[in-house]
Amino acid sequence: MKLRLTPLNFATAFLVVLAIVTWVYKPVAITGKELVHWTGTVAIIFLFLAFSVWFLDLIFRNFFRETKMLWTIELSFIVLTAIIYLLVK
């Protein structure tokens, strides 16, 4: 099995670290003052998102064999997701 670093690998790692930080340290900056008692739930949501991103990375790896094309598609997906998030917000 060939190990390839992709943008969604970094996103998965970021979400897992964010879930651990949220669960262990209970930061108010991430959850807000209203959700200070819901940090465990927020951490589980981050873990679910990390699992979803990991699964999506596996799907993209099966469809795009070349690393350059894989990086292009995954970066495009991340940018599109960020744009949709900002438009909805």
N, C-alpha and C. Protein backbone atom coordinates (compact mmCIF):
# COMPACT_ATOMS: atom_id res chain seq x y z
N MET A 1 0.84 -1.18 0.00
CA MET A 1 0.00 0.00 0.00
C MET A 1 0.88 1.24 0.00
N LYS A 2 0.60 2.11 -0.95
CA LYS A 2 1.41 3.32 -1.11
C LYS A 2 0.83 4.45 -0.25
N LEU A 3 1.67 5.03 0.59
CA LEU A 3 1.25 6.12 1.47
C LEU A 3 1.34 7.44 0.70
N ARG A 4 0.19 8.12 0.57
CA ARG A 4 0.16 9.41 -0.11
C ARG A 4 -0.47 10.44 0.82
N LEU A 5 0.21 11.56 0.99
CA LEU A 5 -0.34 12.65 1.78
C LEU A 5 -1.24 13.49 0.89
N THR A 6 -2.43 13.76 1.38
CA THR A 6 -3.40 14.54 0.62
C THR A 6 -4.00 15.62 1.52
N PRO A 7 -4.65 16.61 0.94
CA PRO A 7 -5.26 17.67 1.76
C PRO A 7 -6.31 17.15 2.72
N LEU A 8 -7.07 16.13 2.33
CA LEU A 8 -8.08 15.61 3.23
C LEU A 8 -7.46 14.82 4.38
N ASN A 9 -6.23 14.31 4.20
CA ASN A 9 -5.52 13.70 5.33
C ASN A 9 -5.23 14.76 6.39
N PHE A 10 -4.81 15.94 5.94
CA PHE A 10 -4.54 17.02 6.88
C PHE A 10 -5.83 17.49 7.56
N ALA A 11 -6.92 17.54 6.80
CA ALA A 11 -8.21 17.94 7.37
C ALA A 11 -8.67 16.92 8.42
N THR A 12 -8.48 15.64 8.14
CA THR A 12 -8.85 14.60 9.10
C THR A 12 -8.03 14.73 10.38
N ALA A 13 -6.73 14.92 10.23
CA ALA A 13 -5.87 15.08 11.40
C ALA A 13 -6.26 16.32 12.20
N PHE A 14 -6.58 17.41 11.51
CA PHE A 14 -7.00 18.63 12.19
C PHE A 14 -8.28 18.41 12.98
N LEU A 15 -9.26 17.70 12.39
CA LEU A 15 -10.52 17.46 13.08
C LEU A 15 -10.34 16.54 14.28
N VAL A 16 -9.46 15.55 14.17
CA VAL A 16 -9.22 14.65 15.31
C VAL A 16 -8.54 15.43 16.44
N VAL A 17 -7.57 16.26 16.12
CA VAL A 17 -6.90 17.07 17.15
C VAL A 17 -7.90 18.05 17.78
N LEU A 18 -8.76 18.64 16.96
CA LEU A 18 -9.77 19.55 17.48
C LEU A 18 -10.75 18.84 18.41
N ALA A 19 -11.10 17.61 18.07
CA ALA A 19 -12.00 16.83 18.93
C ALA A 19 -11.34 16.52 20.27
N ILE A 20 -10.07 16.15 20.24
CA ILE A 20 -9.36 15.83 21.48
C ILE A 20 -9.21 17.07 22.35
N VAL A 21 -8.84 18.20 21.73
CA VAL A 21 -8.70 19.45 22.49
C VAL A 21 -10.03 19.87 23.09
N THR A 22 -11.11 19.73 22.32
CA THR A 22 -12.43 20.11 22.81
C THR A 22 -12.86 19.22 23.96
N TRP A 23 -12.56 17.93 23.86
CA TRP A 23 -13.00 17.00 24.88
C TRP A 23 -12.19 17.13 26.17
N VAL A 24 -10.88 17.27 26.04
CA VAL A 24 -10.01 17.28 27.21
C VAL A 24 -9.99 18.64 27.90
N TYR A 25 -9.80 19.71 27.13
CA TYR A 25 -9.59 21.02 27.74
C TYR A 25 -10.86 21.87 27.86
N LYS A 26 -11.94 21.47 27.19
CA LYS A 26 -13.23 22.18 27.25
C LYS A 26 -13.07 23.68 26.99
N PRO A 27 -12.52 24.06 25.84
CA PRO A 27 -12.30 25.49 25.58
C PRO A 27 -13.59 26.22 25.22
N VAL A 28 -13.80 27.35 25.83
CA VAL A 28 -14.99 28.15 25.58
C VAL A 28 -14.86 28.85 24.22
N ALA A 29 -13.64 29.07 23.73
CA ALA A 29 -13.44 29.74 22.45
C ALA A 29 -14.00 28.92 21.29
N ILE A 30 -13.98 27.60 21.42
CA ILE A 30 -14.49 26.74 20.34
C ILE A 30 -15.99 26.53 20.50
N THR A 31 -16.43 26.21 21.69
CA THR A 31 -17.83 25.86 21.87
C THR A 31 -18.72 27.05 22.17
N GLY A 32 -18.17 28.10 22.73
CA GLY A 32 -18.98 29.26 23.13
C GLY A 32 -19.47 29.09 24.55
N LYS A 33 -19.87 30.19 25.14
CA LYS A 33 -20.31 30.16 26.55
C LYS A 33 -21.61 29.38 26.72
N GLU A 34 -22.46 29.39 25.70
CA GLU A 34 -23.74 28.68 25.81
C GLU A 34 -23.56 27.16 25.82
N LEU A 35 -22.51 26.68 25.16
CA LEU A 35 -22.31 25.24 25.00
C LEU A 35 -21.17 24.70 25.85
N VAL A 36 -20.83 25.36 26.93
CA VAL A 36 -19.69 24.93 27.74
C VAL A 36 -19.92 23.54 28.34
N HIS A 37 -21.17 23.15 28.58
CA HIS A 37 -21.45 21.83 29.13
C HIS A 37 -21.65 20.79 28.04
N TRP A 38 -21.60 21.18 26.78
CA TRP A 38 -21.80 20.27 25.66
C TRP A 38 -20.48 19.93 24.95
N THR A 39 -19.36 20.10 25.60
CA THR A 39 -18.09 19.90 24.92
C THR A 39 -17.90 18.45 24.47
N GLY A 40 -18.42 17.49 25.22
CA GLY A 40 -18.34 16.09 24.80
C GLY A 40 -19.11 15.84 23.52
N THR A 41 -20.28 16.45 23.41
CA THR A 41 -21.09 16.31 22.20
C THR A 41 -20.42 16.97 21.01
N VAL A 42 -19.84 18.13 21.23
CA VAL A 42 -19.14 18.83 20.17
C VAL A 42 -17.93 18.01 19.72
N ALA A 43 -17.23 17.38 20.65
CA ALA A 43 -16.09 16.54 20.30
C ALA A 43 -16.53 15.33 19.48
N ILE A 44 -17.67 14.74 19.81
CA ILE A 44 -18.18 13.60 19.04
C ILE A 44 -18.57 14.04 17.64
N ILE A 45 -19.11 15.23 17.51
CA ILE A 45 -19.44 15.76 16.19
C ILE A 45 -18.17 15.95 15.36
N PHE A 46 -17.11 16.47 15.99
CA PHE A 46 -15.83 16.62 15.28
C PHE A 46 -15.29 15.25 14.85
N LEU A 47 -15.42 14.24 15.70
CA LEU A 47 -14.97 12.90 15.33
C LEU A 47 -15.80 12.34 14.18
N PHE A 48 -17.10 12.59 14.19
CA PHE A 48 -17.94 12.14 13.07
C PHE A 48 -17.52 12.83 11.78
N LEU A 49 -17.25 14.13 11.84
CA LEU A 49 -16.78 14.84 10.65
C LEU A 49 -15.43 14.31 10.17
N ALA A 50 -14.54 13.96 11.12
CA ALA A 50 -13.24 13.39 10.74
C ALA A 50 -13.43 12.05 10.04
N PHE A 51 -14.36 11.23 10.55
CA PHE A 51 -14.63 9.94 9.90
C PHE A 51 -15.20 10.16 8.50
N SER A 52 -16.07 11.13 8.34
CA SER A 52 -16.66 11.42 7.03
C SER A 52 -15.59 11.90 6.04
N VAL A 53 -14.70 12.76 6.49
CA VAL A 53 -13.63 13.26 5.62
C VAL A 53 -12.68 12.13 5.26
N TRP A 54 -12.38 11.25 6.20
CA TRP A 54 -11.51 10.10 5.93
C TRP A 54 -12.14 9.19 4.88
N PHE A 55 -13.43 8.94 5.01
CA PHE A 55 -14.14 8.08 4.05
C PHE A 55 -14.16 8.73 2.67
N LEU A 56 -14.38 10.05 2.62
CA LEU A 56 -14.36 10.77 1.36
C LEU A 56 -12.98 10.72 0.72
N ASP A 57 -11.94 10.78 1.53
CA ASP A 57 -10.57 10.66 1.02
C ASP A 57 -10.36 9.29 0.38
N LEU A 58 -10.88 8.24 0.99
CA LEU A 58 -10.77 6.91 0.39
C LEU A 58 -11.49 6.83 -0.95
N ILE A 59 -12.65 7.44 -1.03
CA ILE A 59 -13.40 7.44 -2.28
C ILE A 59 -12.62 8.19 -3.37
N PHE A 60 -12.10 9.36 -3.03
CA PHE A 60 -11.32 10.12 -4.01
C PHE A 60 -10.07 9.36 -4.44
N ARG A 61 -9.42 8.65 -3.53
CA ARG A 61 -8.23 7.88 -3.89
C ARG A 61 -8.54 6.76 -4.88
N ASN A 62 -9.73 6.18 -4.79
CA ASN A 62 -10.10 5.12 -5.73
C ASN A 62 -10.42 5.67 -7.11
N PHE A 63 -10.97 6.88 -7.18
CA PHE A 63 -11.33 7.44 -8.47
C PHE A 63 -10.15 8.10 -9.18
N PHE A 64 -9.24 8.70 -8.44
CA PHE A 64 -8.13 9.44 -9.04
C PHE A 64 -6.82 8.81 -8.59
N ARG A 65 -6.16 8.12 -9.49
CA ARG A 65 -4.93 7.39 -9.15
C ARG A 65 -3.70 8.31 -9.10
N GLU A 66 -3.66 9.35 -9.94
CA GLU A 66 -2.50 10.23 -9.96
C GLU A 66 -2.54 11.20 -8.77
N THR A 67 -1.41 11.37 -8.12
CA THR A 67 -1.35 12.21 -6.93
C THR A 67 -1.63 13.68 -7.26
N LYS A 68 -1.14 14.15 -8.41
CA LYS A 68 -1.36 15.55 -8.78
C LYS A 68 -2.85 15.82 -9.00
N MET A 69 -3.53 14.93 -9.69
CA MET A 69 -4.97 15.10 -9.91
C MET A 69 -5.74 14.98 -8.60
N LEU A 70 -5.30 14.08 -7.73
CA LEU A 70 -5.94 13.90 -6.43
C LEU A 70 -5.85 15.18 -5.59
N TRP A 71 -4.66 15.79 -5.57
CA TRP A 71 -4.49 17.04 -4.83
C TRP A 71 -5.38 18.14 -5.41
N THR A 72 -5.46 18.23 -6.73
CA THR A 72 -6.29 19.25 -7.37
C THR A 72 -7.76 19.07 -7.01
N ILE A 73 -8.25 17.85 -7.09
CA ILE A 73 -9.66 17.58 -6.80
C ILE A 73 -9.96 17.83 -5.32
N GLU A 74 -9.09 17.37 -4.43
CA GLU A 74 -9.34 17.54 -2.99
C GLU A 74 -9.24 19.00 -2.56
N LEU A 75 -8.29 19.74 -3.10
CA LEU A 75 -8.22 21.17 -2.79
C LEU A 75 -9.43 21.92 -3.33
N SER A 76 -9.89 21.52 -4.51
CA SER A 76 -11.10 22.12 -5.06
C SER A 76 -12.31 21.82 -4.19
N PHE A 77 -12.38 20.60 -3.67
CA PHE A 77 -13.47 20.23 -2.79
C PHE A 77 -13.45 21.05 -1.50
N ILE A 78 -12.26 21.24 -0.93
CA ILE A 78 -12.14 22.01 0.31
C ILE A 78 -12.52 23.47 0.07
N VAL A 79 -12.08 24.05 -1.04
CA VAL A 79 -12.42 25.44 -1.36
C VAL A 79 -13.92 25.58 -1.61
N LEU A 80 -14.51 24.65 -2.33
CA LEU A 80 -15.95 24.69 -2.59
C LEU A 80 -16.75 24.57 -1.29
N THR A 81 -16.31 23.69 -0.40
CA THR A 81 -16.98 23.53 0.89
C THR A 81 -16.87 24.81 1.72
N ALA A 82 -15.71 25.44 1.71
CA ALA A 82 -15.53 26.70 2.45
C ALA A 82 -16.41 27.81 1.88
N ILE A 83 -16.52 27.88 0.55
CA ILE A 83 -17.36 28.90 -0.07
C ILE A 83 -18.83 28.67 0.28
N ILE A 84 -19.28 27.42 0.22
CA ILE A 84 -20.67 27.12 0.57
C ILE A 84 -20.91 27.45 2.05
N TYR A 85 -19.96 27.14 2.92
CA TYR A 85 -20.11 27.46 4.34
C TYR A 85 -20.25 28.96 4.55
N LEU A 86 -19.42 29.75 3.87
CA LEU A 86 -19.49 31.19 4.03
C LEU A 86 -20.76 31.78 3.43
N LEU A 87 -21.27 31.20 2.36
CA LEU A 87 -22.52 31.69 1.78
C LEU A 87 -23.71 31.38 2.66
N VAL A 88 -23.69 30.21 3.30
CA VAL A 88 -24.81 29.84 4.18
C VAL A 88 -24.76 30.62 5.48
N LYS A 89 -23.56 30.88 5.96
CA LYS A 89 -23.41 31.59 7.23
C LYS A 89 -23.91 32.99 7.08
